[in-house]
PDB file of N, CA and C in Angstrom:
ATOM      1  N   MET A   1    -113.746-122.944  30.147  1.00  0.00           N
ATOM      2  CA  MET A   1    -115.137-123.345  30.280  1.00  0.00           C
ATOM      3  C   MET A   1    -115.967-122.473  29.350  1.00  0.00           C
ATOM      4  N   THR A   2    -116.871-123.092  28.648  1.00  0.00           N
ATOM      5  CA  THR A   2    -117.722-122.347  27.723  1.00  0.00           C
ATOM      6  C   THR A   2    -119.030-121.992  28.404  1.00  0.00           C
ATOM      7  N   ASP A   3    -119.871-121.240  27.701  1.00  0.00           N
ATOM      8  CA  ASP A   3    -121.188-120.930  28.238  1.00  0.00           C
ATOM      9  C   ASP A   3    -122.195-122.031  27.945  1.00  0.00           C
ATOM     10  N   GLN A   4    -121.743-123.110  27.338  1.00  0.00           N
ATOM     11  CA  GLN A   4    -122.621-124.246  27.099  1.00  0.00           C
ATOM     12  C   GLN A   4    -122.649-125.111  28.349  1.00  0.00           C
ATOM     13  N   PRO A   5    -123.829-125.582  28.759  1.00  0.00           N
ATOM     14  CA  PRO A   5    -123.894-126.434  29.943  1.00  0.00           C
ATOM     15  C   PRO A   5    -123.035-127.677  29.776  1.00  0.00           C
ATOM     16  N   ALA A   6    -122.312-127.999  30.828  1.00  0.00           N
ATOM     17  CA  ALA A   6    -121.508-129.212  30.825  1.00  0.00           C
ATOM     18  C   ALA A   6    -122.326-130.328  31.436  1.00  0.00           C
ATOM     19  N   SER A   7    -122.355-131.456  30.770  1.00  0.00           N
ATOM     20  CA  SER A   7    -123.066-132.590  31.340  1.00  0.00           C
ATOM     21  C   SER A   7    -122.497-133.869  30.767  1.00  0.00           C
ATOM     22  N   SER A   8    -122.697-134.933  31.476  1.00  0.00           N
ATOM     23  CA  SER A   8    -122.304-136.257  31.037  1.00  0.00           C
ATOM     24  C   SER A   8    -123.382-137.208  31.517  1.00  0.00           C
ATOM     25  N   PRO A   9    -123.364-138.458  31.061  1.00  0.00           N
ATOM     26  CA  PRO A   9    -124.387-139.393  31.531  1.00  0.00           C
ATOM     27  C   PRO A   9    -124.401-139.531  33.052  1.00  0.00           C
ATOM     28  N   ARG A  10    -123.234-139.391  33.692  1.00  0.00           N
ATOM     29  CA  ARG A  10    -123.177-139.557  35.142  1.00  0.00           C
ATOM     30  C   ARG A  10    -123.619-138.311  35.886  1.00  0.00           C
ATOM     31  N   THR A  11    -123.285-137.142  35.373  1.00  0.00           N
ATOM     32  CA  THR A  11    -123.609-135.904  36.075  1.00  0.00           C
ATOM     33  C   THR A  11    -124.215-134.905  35.112  1.00  0.00           C
ATOM     34  N   ALA A  12    -125.466-134.643  35.253  1.00  0.00           N
ATOM     35  CA  ALA A  12    -126.141-133.688  34.375  1.00  0.00           C
ATOM     36  C   ALA A  12    -126.369-132.373  35.106  1.00  0.00           C
ATOM     37  N   LEU A  13    -125.352-131.892  35.796  1.00  0.00           N
ATOM     38  CA  LEU A  13    -125.455-130.644  36.533  1.00  0.00           C
ATOM     39  C   LEU A  13    -125.312-129.480  35.562  1.00  0.00           C
ATOM     40  N   PRO A  14    -126.281-128.581  35.511  1.00  0.00           N
ATOM     41  CA  PRO A  14    -126.215-127.479  34.547  1.00  0.00           C
ATOM     42  C   PRO A  14    -125.207-126.417  34.995  1.00  0.00           C
ATOM     43  N   MET A  15    -123.972-126.535  34.539  1.00  0.00           N
ATOM     44  CA  MET A  15    -122.924-125.594  34.924  1.00  0.00           C
ATOM     45  C   MET A  15    -122.300-125.033  33.654  1.00  0.00           C
ATOM     46  N   ASN A  16    -122.109-123.735  33.648  1.00  0.00           N
ATOM     47  CA  ASN A  16    -121.411-123.081  32.547  1.00  0.00           C
ATOM     48  C   ASN A  16    -120.517-121.994  33.139  1.00  0.00           C
ATOM     49  N   ALA A  17    -119.812-121.278  32.286  1.00  0.00           N
ATOM     50  CA  ALA A  17    -118.837-120.292  32.762  1.00  0.00           C
ATOM     51  C   ALA A  17    -119.479-119.184  33.586  1.00  0.00           C
ATOM     52  N   SER A  18    -120.632-118.700  33.165  1.00  0.00           N
ATOM     53  CA  SER A  18    -121.254-117.605  33.921  1.00  0.00           C
ATOM     54  C   SER A  18    -121.758-118.092  35.279  1.00  0.00           C
ATOM     55  N   ARG A  19    -122.285-119.289  35.340  1.00  0.00           N
ATOM     56  CA  ARG A  19    -122.705-119.830  36.645  1.00  0.00           C
ATOM     57  C   ARG A  19    -121.498-120.090  37.536  1.00  0.00           C
ATOM     58  N   TRP A  20    -120.419-120.598  36.938  1.00  0.00           N
ATOM     59  CA  TRP A  20    -119.207-120.877  37.708  1.00  0.00           C
ATOM     60  C   TRP A  20    -118.724-119.606  38.417  1.00  0.00           C
ATOM     61  N   LYS A  21    -118.774-118.490  37.716  1.00  0.00           N
ATOM     62  CA  LYS A  21    -118.315-117.224  38.293  1.00  0.00           C
ATOM     63  C   LYS A  21    -119.197-116.755  39.447  1.00  0.00           C
ATOM     64  N   GLN A  22    -120.420-117.270  39.538  1.00  0.00           N
ATOM     65  CA  GLN A  22    -121.311-116.911  40.638  1.00  0.00           C
ATOM     66  C   GLN A  22    -120.910-117.596  41.940  1.00  0.00           C
ATOM     67  N   GLY A  23    -120.117-118.644  41.835  1.00  0.00           N
ATOM     68  CA  GLY A  23    -119.673-119.345  43.034  1.00  0.00           C
ATOM     69  C   GLY A  23    -118.704-118.498  43.837  1.00  0.00           C
ATOM     70  N   LEU A  24    -118.631-118.786  45.115  1.00  0.00           N
ATOM     71  CA  LEU A  24    -117.734-118.060  46.016  1.00  0.00           C
ATOM     72  C   LEU A  24    -116.369-118.731  46.050  1.00  0.00           C
ATOM     73  N   THR A  25    -115.332-117.938  46.127  1.00  0.00           N
ATOM     74  CA  THR A  25    -114.023-118.512  46.415  1.00  0.00           C
ATOM     75  C   THR A  25    -114.057-118.987  47.865  1.00  0.00           C
ATOM     76  N   LEU A  26    -113.103-119.817  48.245  1.00  0.00           N
ATOM     77  CA  LEU A  26    -113.089-120.294  49.629  1.00  0.00           C
ATOM     78  C   LEU A  26    -112.982-119.141  50.629  1.00  0.00           C
ATOM     79  N   PRO A  27    -112.085-118.157  50.422  1.00  0.00           N
ATOM     80  CA  PRO A  27    -112.049-117.030  51.367  1.00  0.00           C
ATOM     81  C   PRO A  27    -113.363-116.247  51.417  1.00  0.00           C
ATOM     82  N   ASP A  28    -114.005-116.075  50.270  1.00  0.00           N
ATOM     83  CA  ASP A  28    -115.287-115.361  50.252  1.00  0.00           C
ATOM     84  C   ASP A  28    -116.364-116.143  50.995  1.00  0.00           C
ATOM     85  N   PHE A  29    -116.355-117.461  50.844  1.00  0.00           N
ATOM     86  CA  PHE A  29    -117.326-118.285  51.564  1.00  0.00           C
ATOM     87  C   PHE A  29    -117.131-118.131  53.072  1.00  0.00           C
ATOM     88  N   VAL A  30    -115.892-118.223  53.523  1.00  0.00           N
ATOM     89  CA  VAL A  30    -115.610-118.101  54.957  1.00  0.00           C
ATOM     90  C   VAL A  30    -116.016-116.719  55.457  1.00  0.00           C
ATOM     91  N   ALA A  31    -115.746-115.684  54.689  1.00  0.00           N
ATOM     92  CA  ALA A  31    -116.079-114.316  55.099  1.00  0.00           C
ATOM     93  C   ALA A  31    -117.577-114.114  55.281  1.00  0.00           C
ATOM     94  N   GLN A  32    -118.402-114.827  54.522  1.00  0.00           N
ATOM     95  CA  GLN A  32    -119.849-114.633  54.619  1.00  0.00           C
ATOM     96  C   GLN A  32    -120.512-115.596  55.603  1.00  0.00           C
ATOM     97  N   MET A  33    -119.749-116.490  56.209  1.00  0.00           N
ATOM     98  CA  MET A  33    -120.336-117.465  57.134  1.00  0.00           C
ATOM     99  C   MET A  33    -120.984-116.764  58.322  1.00  0.00           C
ATOM    100  N   SER A  34    -122.187-117.216  58.680  1.00  0.00           N
ATOM    101  CA  SER A  34    -122.866-116.675  59.860  1.00  0.00           C
ATOM    102  C   SER A  34    -122.944-117.708  60.974  1.00  0.00           C
ATOM    103  N   VAL A  35    -122.584-118.937  60.670  1.00  0.00           N
ATOM    104  CA  VAL A  35    -122.597-120.025  61.653  1.00  0.00           C
ATOM    105  C   VAL A  35    -121.212-120.669  61.659  1.00  0.00           C
ATOM    106  N   ASP A  36    -120.651-120.855  62.833  1.00  0.00           N
ATOM    107  CA  ASP A  36    -119.389-121.588  63.014  1.00  0.00           C
ATOM    108  C   ASP A  36    -118.192-120.984  62.275  1.00  0.00           C
ATOM    109  N   GLN A  37    -118.228-119.696  62.001  1.00  0.00           N
ATOM    110  CA  GLN A  37    -117.095-119.071  61.323  1.00  0.00           C
ATOM    111  C   GLN A  37    -115.825-119.163  62.176  1.00  0.00           C
ATOM    112  N   ASP A  38    -115.968-119.027  63.487  1.00  0.00           N
ATOM    113  CA  ASP A  38    -114.801-119.110  64.369  1.00  0.00           C
ATOM    114  C   ASP A  38    -114.154-120.489  64.306  1.00  0.00           C
ATOM    115  N   ILE A  39    -114.965-121.530  64.241  1.00  0.00           N
ATOM    116  CA  ILE A  39    -114.432-122.890  64.131  1.00  0.00           C
ATOM    117  C   ILE A  39    -113.718-123.053  62.792  1.00  0.00           C
ATOM    118  N   MET A  40    -114.329-122.554  61.729  1.00  0.00           N
ATOM    119  CA  MET A  40    -113.712-122.650  60.405  1.00  0.00           C
ATOM    120  C   MET A  40    -112.373-121.919  60.390  1.00  0.00           C
ATOM    121  N   MET A  41    -112.316-120.745  60.983  1.00  0.00           N
ATOM    122  CA  MET A  41    -111.064-119.983  61.009  1.00  0.00           C
ATOM    123  C   MET A  41    -109.968-120.753  61.749  1.00  0.00           C
ATOM    124  N   ARG A  42    -110.328-121.370  62.877  1.00  0.00           N
ATOM    125  CA  ARG A  42    -109.346-122.178  63.621  1.00  0.00           C
ATOM    126  C   ARG A  42    -108.864-123.355  62.785  1.00  0.00           C
ATOM    127  N   ARG A  43    -109.792-124.015  62.099  1.00  0.00           N
ATOM    128  CA  ARG A  43    -109.419-125.155  61.253  1.00  0.00           C
ATOM    129  C   ARG A  43    -108.491-124.697  60.121  1.00  0.00           C
ATOM    130  N   LEU A  44    -108.801-123.559  59.529  1.00  0.00           N
ATOM    131  CA  LEU A  44    -107.956-123.053  58.446  1.00  0.00           C
ATOM    132  C   LEU A  44    -106.549-122.720  58.944  1.00  0.00           C
ATOM    133  N   GLU A  45    -106.442-122.297  60.191  1.00  0.00           N
ATOM    134  CA  GLU A  45    -105.129-121.989  60.765  1.00  0.00           C
ATOM    135  C   GLU A  45    -104.329-123.245  61.075  1.00  0.00           C
ATOM    136  N   THR A  46    -105.013-124.336  61.401  1.00  0.00           N
ATOM    137  CA  THR A  46    -104.303-125.528  61.870  1.00  0.00           C
ATOM    138  C   THR A  46    -104.090-126.607  60.813  1.00  0.00           C
ATOM    139  N   VAL A  47    -104.953-126.692  59.820  1.00  0.00           N
ATOM    140  CA  VAL A  47    -104.821-127.754  58.814  1.00  0.00           C
ATOM    141  C   VAL A  47    -103.640-127.451  57.896  1.00  0.00           C
ATOM    142  N   GLN A  48    -102.766-128.408  57.764  1.00  0.00           N
ATOM    143  CA  GLN A  48    -101.597-128.286  56.892  1.00  0.00           C
ATOM    144  C   GLN A  48    -101.439-129.563  56.078  1.00  0.00           C
ATOM    145  N   LEU A  49    -100.885-129.436  54.908  1.00  0.00           N
ATOM    146  CA  LEU A  49    -100.547-130.594  54.094  1.00  0.00           C
ATOM    147  C   LEU A  49     -99.099-130.976  54.360  1.00  0.00           C
ATOM    148  N   SER A  50     -98.806-132.255  54.197  1.00  0.00           N
ATOM    149  CA  SER A  50     -97.415-132.691  54.287  1.00  0.00           C
ATOM    150  C   SER A  50     -96.687-132.239  53.016  1.00  0.00           C
ATOM    151  N   GLU A  51     -95.375-132.311  53.041  1.00  0.00           N
ATOM    152  CA  GLU A  51     -94.586-131.961  51.849  1.00  0.00           C
ATOM    153  C   GLU A  51     -94.980-132.844  50.673  1.00  0.00           C
ATOM    154  N   GLU A  52     -95.193-134.127  50.941  1.00  0.00           N
ATOM    155  CA  GLU A  52     -95.582-135.059  49.871  1.00  0.00           C
ATOM    156  C   GLU A  52     -96.939-134.685  49.286  1.00  0.00           C
ATOM    157  N   GLU A  53     -97.875-134.315  50.146  1.00  0.00           N
ATOM    158  CA  GLU A  53     -99.208-133.926  49.671  1.00  0.00           C
ATOM    159  C   GLU A  53     -99.145-132.639  48.850  1.00  0.00           C
ATOM    160  N   ARG A  54     -98.353-131.676  49.316  1.00  0.00           N
ATOM    161  CA  ARG A  54     -98.190-130.428  48.556  1.00  0.00           C
ATOM    162  C   ARG A  54     -97.558-130.690  47.191  1.00  0.00           C
ATOM    163  N   ALA A  55     -96.562-131.557  47.170  1.00  0.00           N
ATOM    164  CA  ALA A  55     -95.893-131.879  45.904  1.00  0.00           C
ATOM    165  C   ALA A  55     -96.852-132.576  44.941  1.00  0.00           C
ATOM    166  N   ALA A  56     -97.659-133.487  45.461  1.00  0.00           N
ATOM    167  CA  ALA A  56     -98.622-134.195  44.609  1.00  0.00           C
ATOM    168  C   ALA A  56     -99.648-133.217  44.034  1.00  0.00           C
ATOM    169  N   ALA A  57    -100.127-132.291  44.852  1.00  0.00           N
ATOM    170  CA  ALA A  57    -101.095-131.300  44.375  1.00  0.00           C
ATOM    171  C   ALA A  57    -100.452-130.376  43.342  1.00  0.00           C
ATOM    172  N   ALA A  58     -99.231-129.964  43.603  1.00  0.00           N
ATOM    173  CA  ALA A  58     -98.530-129.063  42.683  1.00  0.00           C
ATOM    174  C   ALA A  58     -98.249-129.731  41.337  1.00  0.00           C
ATOM    175  N   ALA A  59     -98.184-131.051  41.327  1.00  0.00           N
ATOM    176  CA  ALA A  59     -97.877-131.788  40.101  1.00  0.00           C
ATOM    177  C   ALA A  59     -99.080-131.930  39.169  1.00  0.00           C
ATOM    178  N   LEU A  60    -100.263-131.544  39.620  1.00  0.00           N
ATOM    179  CA  LEU A  60    -101.438-131.619  38.743  1.00  0.00           C
ATOM    180  C   LEU A  60    -101.188-130.759  37.515  1.00  0.00           C
ATOM    181  N   GLN A  61    -101.326-131.339  36.352  1.00  0.00           N
ATOM    182  CA  GLN A  61    -101.023-130.631  35.115  1.00  0.00           C
ATOM    183  C   GLN A  61    -102.249-130.026  34.447  1.00  0.00           C
ATOM    184  N   ARG A  62    -103.324-130.770  34.402  1.00  0.00           N
ATOM    185  CA  ARG A  62    -104.494-130.261  33.686  1.00  0.00           C
ATOM    186  C   ARG A  62    -105.376-129.456  34.633  1.00  0.00           C
ATOM    187  N   PRO A  63    -106.067-128.470  34.113  1.00  0.00           N
ATOM    188  CA  PRO A  63    -106.944-127.654  34.958  1.00  0.00           C
ATOM    189  C   PRO A  63    -108.001-128.517  35.650  1.00  0.00           C
ATOM    190  N   LEU A  64    -108.244-128.205  36.887  1.00  0.00           N
ATOM    191  CA  LEU A  64    -109.216-128.948  37.685  1.00  0.00           C
ATOM    192  C   LEU A  64    -110.115-127.943  38.384  1.00  0.00           C
ATOM    193  N   ARG A  65    -111.406-128.063  38.156  1.00  0.00           N
ATOM    194  CA  ARG A  65    -112.380-127.201  38.825  1.00  0.00           C
ATOM    195  C   ARG A  65    -113.166-128.044  39.808  1.00  0.00           C
ATOM    196  N   VAL A  66    -113.219-127.564  41.047  1.00  0.00           N
ATOM    197  CA  VAL A  66    -113.925-128.272  42.111  1.00  0.00           C
ATOM    198  C   VAL A  66    -115.122-127.437  42.528  1.00  0.00           C
ATOM    199  N   LEU A  67    -116.313-127.996  42.377  1.00  0.00           N
ATOM    200  CA  LEU A  67    -117.552-127.335  42.760  1.00  0.00           C
ATOM    201  C   LEU A  67    -118.001-127.923  44.090  1.00  0.00           C
ATOM    202  N   VAL A  68    -118.191-127.062  45.074  1.00  0.00           N
ATOM    203  CA  VAL A  68    -118.635-127.484  46.400  1.00  0.00           C
ATOM    204  C   VAL A  68    -120.014-126.893  46.648  1.00  0.00           C
ATOM    205  N   MET A  69    -120.955-127.742  47.013  1.00  0.00           N
ATOM    206  CA  MET A  69    -122.283-127.268  47.417  1.00  0.00           C
ATOM    207  C   MET A  69    -122.416-127.574  48.898  1.00  0.00           C
ATOM    208  N   THR A  70    -122.591-126.532  49.691  1.00  0.00           N
ATOM    209  CA  THR A  70    -122.616-126.733  51.134  1.00  0.00           C
ATOM    210  C   THR A  70    -123.383-125.606  51.810  1.00  0.00           C
ATOM    211  N   GLU A  71    -123.417-125.681  53.108  1.00  0.00           N
ATOM    212  CA  GLU A  71    -123.985-124.645  53.982  1.00  0.00           C
ATOM    213  C   GLU A  71    -122.969-124.402  55.090  1.00  0.00           C
ATOM    214  N   ASP A  72    -122.987-123.216  55.670  1.00  0.00           N
ATOM    215  CA  ASP A  72    -121.987-122.914  56.698  1.00  0.00           C
ATOM    216  C   ASP A  72    -122.173-123.717  57.981  1.00  0.00           C
ATOM    217  N   TRP A  73    -123.365-124.246  58.227  1.00  0.00           N
ATOM    218  CA  TRP A  73    -123.616-125.024  59.437  1.00  0.00           C
ATOM    219  C   TRP A  73    -123.209-126.490  59.289  1.00  0.00           C
ATOM    220  N   CYS A  74    -122.814-126.896  58.118  1.00  0.00           N
ATOM    221  CA  CYS A  74    -122.515-128.304  57.831  1.00  0.00           C
ATOM    222  C   CYS A  74    -121.175-128.709  58.456  1.00  0.00           C
ATOM    223  N   THR A  75    -121.196-129.747  59.285  1.00  0.00           N
ATOM    224  CA  THR A  75    -119.955-130.196  59.923  1.00  0.00           C
ATOM    225  C   THR A  75    -118.992-130.810  58.914  1.00  0.00           C
ATOM    226  N   ASP A  76    -119.502-131.429  57.858  1.00  0.00           N
ATOM    227  CA  ASP A  76    -118.610-131.930  56.807  1.00  0.00           C
ATOM    228  C   ASP A  76    -117.850-130.770  56.169  1.00  0.00           C
ATOM    229  N   CYS A  77    -118.523-129.656  56.011  1.00  0.00           N
ATOM    230  CA  CYS A  77    -117.894-128.448  55.478  1.00  0.00           C
ATOM    231  C   CYS A  77    -116.745-128.014  56.398  1.00  0.00           C
ATOM    232  N   LEU A  78    -116.989-127.999  57.683  1.00  0.00           N
ATOM    233  CA  LEU A  78    -115.965-127.583  58.645  1.00  0.00           C
ATOM    234  C   LEU A  78    -114.754-128.508  58.624  1.00  0.00           C
ATOM    235  N   MET A  79    -114.986-129.781  58.391  1.00  0.00           N
ATOM    236  CA  MET A  79    -113.892-130.745  58.385  1.00  0.00           C
ATOM    237  C   MET A  79    -113.133-130.750  57.057  1.00  0.00           C
ATOM    238  N   ASN A  80    -113.848-130.632  55.954  1.00  0.00           N
ATOM    239  CA  ASN A  80    -113.235-130.860  54.644  1.00  0.00           C
ATOM    240  C   ASN A  80    -112.799-129.611  53.884  1.00  0.00           C
ATOM    241  N   LEU A  81    -113.491-128.492  54.051  1.00  0.00           N
ATOM    242  CA  LEU A  81    -113.098-127.295  53.298  1.00  0.00           C
ATOM    243  C   LEU A  81    -111.686-126.805  53.634  1.00  0.00           C
ATOM    244  N   PRO A  82    -111.233-126.861  54.880  1.00  0.00           N
ATOM    245  CA  PRO A  82    -109.848-126.447  55.137  1.00  0.00           C
ATOM    246  C   PRO A  82    -108.822-127.320  54.403  1.00  0.00           C
ATOM    247  N   ILE A  83    -109.103-128.605  54.284  1.00  0.00           N
ATOM    248  CA  ILE A  83    -108.209-129.491  53.531  1.00  0.00           C
ATOM    249  C   ILE A  83    -108.235-129.100  52.059  1.00  0.00           C
ATOM    250  N   LEU A  84    -109.427-128.893  51.537  1.00  0.00           N
ATOM    251  CA  LEU A  84    -109.570-128.476  50.142  1.00  0.00           C
ATOM    252  C   LEU A  84    -108.898-127.121  49.903  1.00  0.00           C
ATOM    253  N   ALA A  85    -108.976-126.230  50.873  1.00  0.00           N
ATOM    254  CA  ALA A  85    -108.315-124.925  50.748  1.00  0.00           C
ATOM    255  C   ALA A  85    -106.808-125.099  50.589  1.00  0.00           C
ATOM    256  N   ARG A  86    -106.216-125.977  51.384  1.00  0.00           N
ATOM    257  CA  ARG A  86    -104.768-126.209  51.287  1.00  0.00           C
ATOM    258  C   ARG A  86    -104.405-126.851  49.946  1.00  0.00           C
ATOM    259  N   LEU A  87    -105.233-127.791  49.483  1.00  0.00           N
ATOM    260  CA  LEU A  87    -104.978-128.416  48.181  1.00  0.00           C
ATOM    261  C   LEU A  87    -105.065-127.384  47.060  1.00  0.00           C
ATOM    262  N   THR A  88    -106.064-126.513  47.134  1.00  0.00           N
ATOM    263  CA  THR A  88    -106.243-125.476  46.119  1.00  0.00           C
ATOM    264  C   THR A  88    -105.055-124.513  46.116  1.00  0.00           C
ATOM    265  N   GLU A  89    -104.556-124.183  47.290  1.00  0.00           N
ATOM    266  CA  GLU A  89    -103.381-123.307  47.382  1.00  0.00           C
ATOM    267  C   GLU A  89    -102.149-123.969  46.765  1.00  0.00           C
ATOM    268  N   ALA A  90    -102.018-125.269  46.973  1.00  0.00           N
ATOM    269  CA  ALA A  90    -100.828-125.985  46.510  1.00  0.00           C
ATOM    270  C   ALA A  90    -100.870-126.325  45.024  1.00  0.00           C
ATOM    271  N   ALA A  91    -102.056-126.351  44.446  1.00  0.00           N
ATOM    272  CA  ALA A  91    -102.209-126.780  43.051  1.00  0.00           C
ATOM    273  C   ALA A  91    -102.571-125.589  42.165  1.00  0.00           C
ATOM    274  N   PRO A  92    -101.615-125.049  41.430  1.00  0.00           N
ATOM    275  CA  PRO A  92    -101.915-123.907  40.562  1.00  0.00           C
ATOM    276  C   PRO A  92    -103.004-124.200  39.528  1.00  0.00           C
ATOM    277  N   ALA A  93    -103.163-125.452  39.139  1.00  0.00           N
ATOM    278  CA  ALA A  93    -104.155-125.812  38.115  1.00  0.00           C
ATOM    279  C   ALA A  93    -105.552-126.015  38.697  1.00  0.00           C
ATOM    280  N   MET A  94    -105.690-125.876  39.998  1.00  0.00           N
ATOM    281  CA  MET A  94    -106.961-126.176  40.665  1.00  0.00           C
ATOM    282  C   MET A  94    -107.693-124.889  41.034  1.00  0.00           C
ATOM    283  N   GLU A  95    -108.982-124.870  40.731  1.00  0.00           N
ATOM    284  CA  GLU A  95    -109.836-123.732  41.079  1.00  0.00           C
ATOM    285  C   GLU A  95    -111.067-124.283  41.794  1.00  0.00           C
ATOM    286  N   THR A  96    -111.425-123.673  42.905  1.00  0.00           N
ATOM    287  CA  THR A  96    -112.559-124.142  43.703  1.00  0.00           C
ATOM    288  C   THR A  96    -113.587-123.034  43.843  1.00  0.00           C
ATOM    289  N   ARG A  97    -114.842-123.400  43.722  1.00  0.00           N
ATOM    290  CA  ARG A  97    -115.957-122.474  43.950  1.00  0.00           C
ATOM    291  C   ARG A  97    -116.953-123.144  44.885  1.00  0.00           C
ATOM    292  N   VAL A  98    -117.484-122.331  45.785  1.00  0.00           N
ATOM    293  CA  VAL A  98    -118.468-122.809  46.756  1.00  0.00           C
ATOM    294  C   VAL A  98    -119.817-122.194  46.415  1.00  0.00           C
ATOM    295  N   PHE A  99    -120.825-123.039  46.379  1.00  0.00           N
ATOM    296  CA  PHE A  99    -122.197-122.611  46.141  1.00  0.00           C
ATOM    297  C   PHE A  99    -123.013-122.940  47.380  1.00  0.00           C
ATOM    298  N   ILE A 100    -123.755-121.960  47.873  1.00  0.00           N
ATOM    299  CA  ILE A 100    -124.630-122.169  49.024  1.00  0.00           C
ATOM    300  C   ILE A 100    -125.815-122.996  48.524  1.00  0.00           C
ATOM    301  N   ARG A 101    -125.902-124.200  49.028  1.00  0.00           N
ATOM    302  CA  ARG A 101    -126.879-125.148  48.502  1.00  0.00           C
ATOM    303  C   ARG A 101    -128.299-124.612  48.519  1.00  0.00           C
ATOM    304  N   SER A 102    -128.697-124.006  49.620  1.00  0.00           N
ATOM    305  CA  SER A 102    -130.083-123.548  49.749  1.00  0.00           C
ATOM    306  C   SER A 102    -130.397-122.363  48.838  1.00  0.00           C
ATOM    307  N   ARG A 103    -129.365-121.667  48.372  1.00  0.00           N
ATOM    308  CA  ARG A 103    -129.575-120.488  47.524  1.00  0.00           C
ATOM    309  C   ARG A 103    -129.420-120.779  46.035  1.00  0.00           C
ATOM    310  N   TRP A 104    -128.966-121.941  45.691  1.00  0.00           N
ATOM    311  CA  TRP A 104    -128.649-122.196  44.295  1.00  0.00           C
ATOM    312  C   TRP A 104    -129.835-122.826  43.597  1.00  0.00           C
ATOM    313  N   LEU A 105    -130.527-122.027  42.823  1.00  0.00           N
ATOM    314  CA  LEU A 105    -131.745-122.453  42.145  1.00  0.00           C
ATOM    315  C   LEU A 105    -131.510-123.646  41.230  1.00  0.00           C
ATOM    316  N   ALA A 106    -130.372-123.695  40.579  1.00  0.00           N
ATOM    317  CA  ALA A 106    -130.120-124.780  39.629  1.00  0.00           C
ATOM    318  C   ALA A 106    -130.170-126.144  40.302  1.00  0.00           C
ATOM    319  N   ALA A 107    -129.811-126.215  41.581  1.00  0.00           N
ATOM    320  CA  ALA A 107    -129.877-127.498  42.289  1.00  0.00           C
ATOM    321  C   ALA A 107    -131.308-128.000  42.350  1.00  0.00           C
ATOM    322  N   SER A 108    -132.250-127.110  42.586  1.00  0.00           N
ATOM    323  CA  SER A 108    -133.645-127.539  42.630  1.00  0.00           C
ATOM    324  C   SER A 108    -134.137-127.923  41.244  1.00  0.00           C
ATOM    325  N   LEU A 109    -133.613-127.274  40.203  1.00  0.00           N
ATOM    326  CA  LEU A 109    -134.001-127.642  38.841  1.00  0.00           C
ATOM    327  C   LEU A 109    -133.503-129.037  38.486  1.00  0.00           C
ATOM    328  N   VAL A 110    -132.284-129.350  38.888  1.00  0.00           N
ATOM    329  CA  VAL A 110    -131.749-130.693  38.655  1.00  0.00           C
ATOM    330  C   VAL A 110    -132.598-131.706  39.399  1.00  0.00           C
ATOM    331  N   ARG A 111    -132.935-131.393  40.622  1.00  0.00           N
ATOM    332  CA  ARG A 111    -133.734-132.306  41.441  1.00  0.00           C
ATOM    333  C   ARG A 111    -135.076-132.581  40.764  1.00  0.00           C
ATOM    334  N   ARG A 112    -135.734-131.546  40.286  1.00  0.00           N
ATOM    335  CA  ARG A 112    -137.030-131.718  39.634  1.00  0.00           C
ATOM    336  C   ARG A 112    -136.908-132.510  38.338  1.00  0.00           C
ATOM    337  N   ARG A 113    -135.882-132.205  37.577  1.00  0.00           N
ATOM    338  CA  ARG A 113    -135.712-132.860  36.283  1.00  0.00           C
ATOM    339  C   ARG A 113    -135.470-134.360  36.452  1.00  0.00           C
ATOM    340  N   ARG A 114    -134.760-134.739  37.471  1.00  0.00           N
ATOM    341  CA  ARG A 114    -134.456-136.152  37.697  1.00  0.00           C
ATOM    342  C   ARG A 114    -135.539-136.861  38.503  1.00  0.00           C
ATOM    343  N   HIS A 115    -136.491-136.112  39.002  1.00  0.00           N
ATOM    344  CA  HIS A 115    -137.576-136.673  39.816  1.00  0.00           C
ATOM    345  C   HIS A 115    -137.043-137.379  41.060  1.00  0.00           C
ATOM    346  N   ARG A 116    -135.951-136.873  41.561  1.00  0.00           N
ATOM    347  CA  ARG A 116    -135.401-137.398  42.813  1.00  0.00           C
ATOM    348  C   ARG A 116    -135.279-136.247  43.785  1.00  0.00           C
ATOM    349  N   ARG A 117    -135.383-136.592  45.028  1.00  0.00           N
ATOM    350  CA  ARG A 117    -135.215-135.568  46.055  1.00  0.00           C
ATOM    351  C   ARG A 117    -133.750-135.470  46.443  1.00  0.00           C
ATOM    352  N   HIS A 118    -133.300-134.239  46.593  1.00  0.00           N
ATOM    353  CA  HIS A 118    -131.962-134.004  47.128  1.00  0.00           C
ATOM    354  C   HIS A 118    -132.041-134.274  48.626  1.00  0.00           C
ATOM    355  N   PRO A 119    -131.080-134.959  49.205  1.00  0.00           N
ATOM    356  CA  PRO A 119    -131.185-135.245  50.638  1.00  0.00           C
ATOM    357  C   PRO A 119    -131.256-133.967  51.460  1.00  0.00           C
ATOM    358  N   ARG A 120    -132.133-133.955  52.397  1.00  0.00           N
ATOM    359  CA  ARG A 120    -132.260-132.820  53.312  1.00  0.00           C
ATOM    360  C   ARG A 120    -131.306-133.048  54.477  1.00  0.00           C
ATOM    361  N   LEU A 121    -130.463-132.081  54.723  1.00  0.00           N
ATOM    362  CA  LEU A 121    -129.523-132.179  55.825  1.00  0.00           C
ATOM    363  C   LEU A 121    -130.019-131.306  56.959  1.00  0.00           C
ATOM    364  N   ARG A 122    -130.062-131.876  58.118  1.00  0.00           N
ATOM    365  CA  ARG A 122    -130.503-131.116  59.287  1.00  0.00           C
ATOM    366  C   ARG A 122    -129.409-131.158  60.335  1.00  0.00           C
ATOM    367  N   ARG A 123    -129.231-130.057  60.954  1.00  0.00           N
ATOM    368  CA  ARG A 123    -128.243-129.980  62.017  1.00  0.00           C
ATOM    369  C   ARG A 123    -128.860-130.535  63.284  1.00  0.00           C
ATOM    370  N   SER A 124    -128.180-131.481  63.898  1.00  0.00           N
ATOM    371  CA  SER A 124    -128.707-132.044  65.142  1.00  0.00           C
ATOM    372  C   SER A 124    -128.277-131.164  66.303  1.00  0.00           C
ATOM    373  N   GLY A 125    -129.095-131.176  67.319  1.00  0.00           N
ATOM    374  CA  GLY A 125    -128.727-130.443  68.525  1.00  0.00           C
ATOM    375  C   GLY A 125    -129.366-129.165  68.636  1.00  0.00           C
TER     376      GLY A 125
END
């Protein structure tokens, strides 16, 4: 990854190598969680890939970077990050970084530039 922003007609997210390094690894994200960390830890202990799924992930040849924007209170995060963690472990070519949505200034810049609002997620209950 270069320090030049990566963009395409479909996704104009301003990401470069230095910003990528600011993202948290999955273990670092879990370590800093202040909400539902216990649930995440249980999910990480129980979620497993099948042999076929591990083999498919391991067969990935080209480098793959997965950018996740989330919050620790997000139930989608609790359901999907453990699966992504197992895929990342199984795929040597895969690298995942987590960005805390509310803290990432670039997300608000993208929102302003496109004149669209990023959906506001609220925890019910």
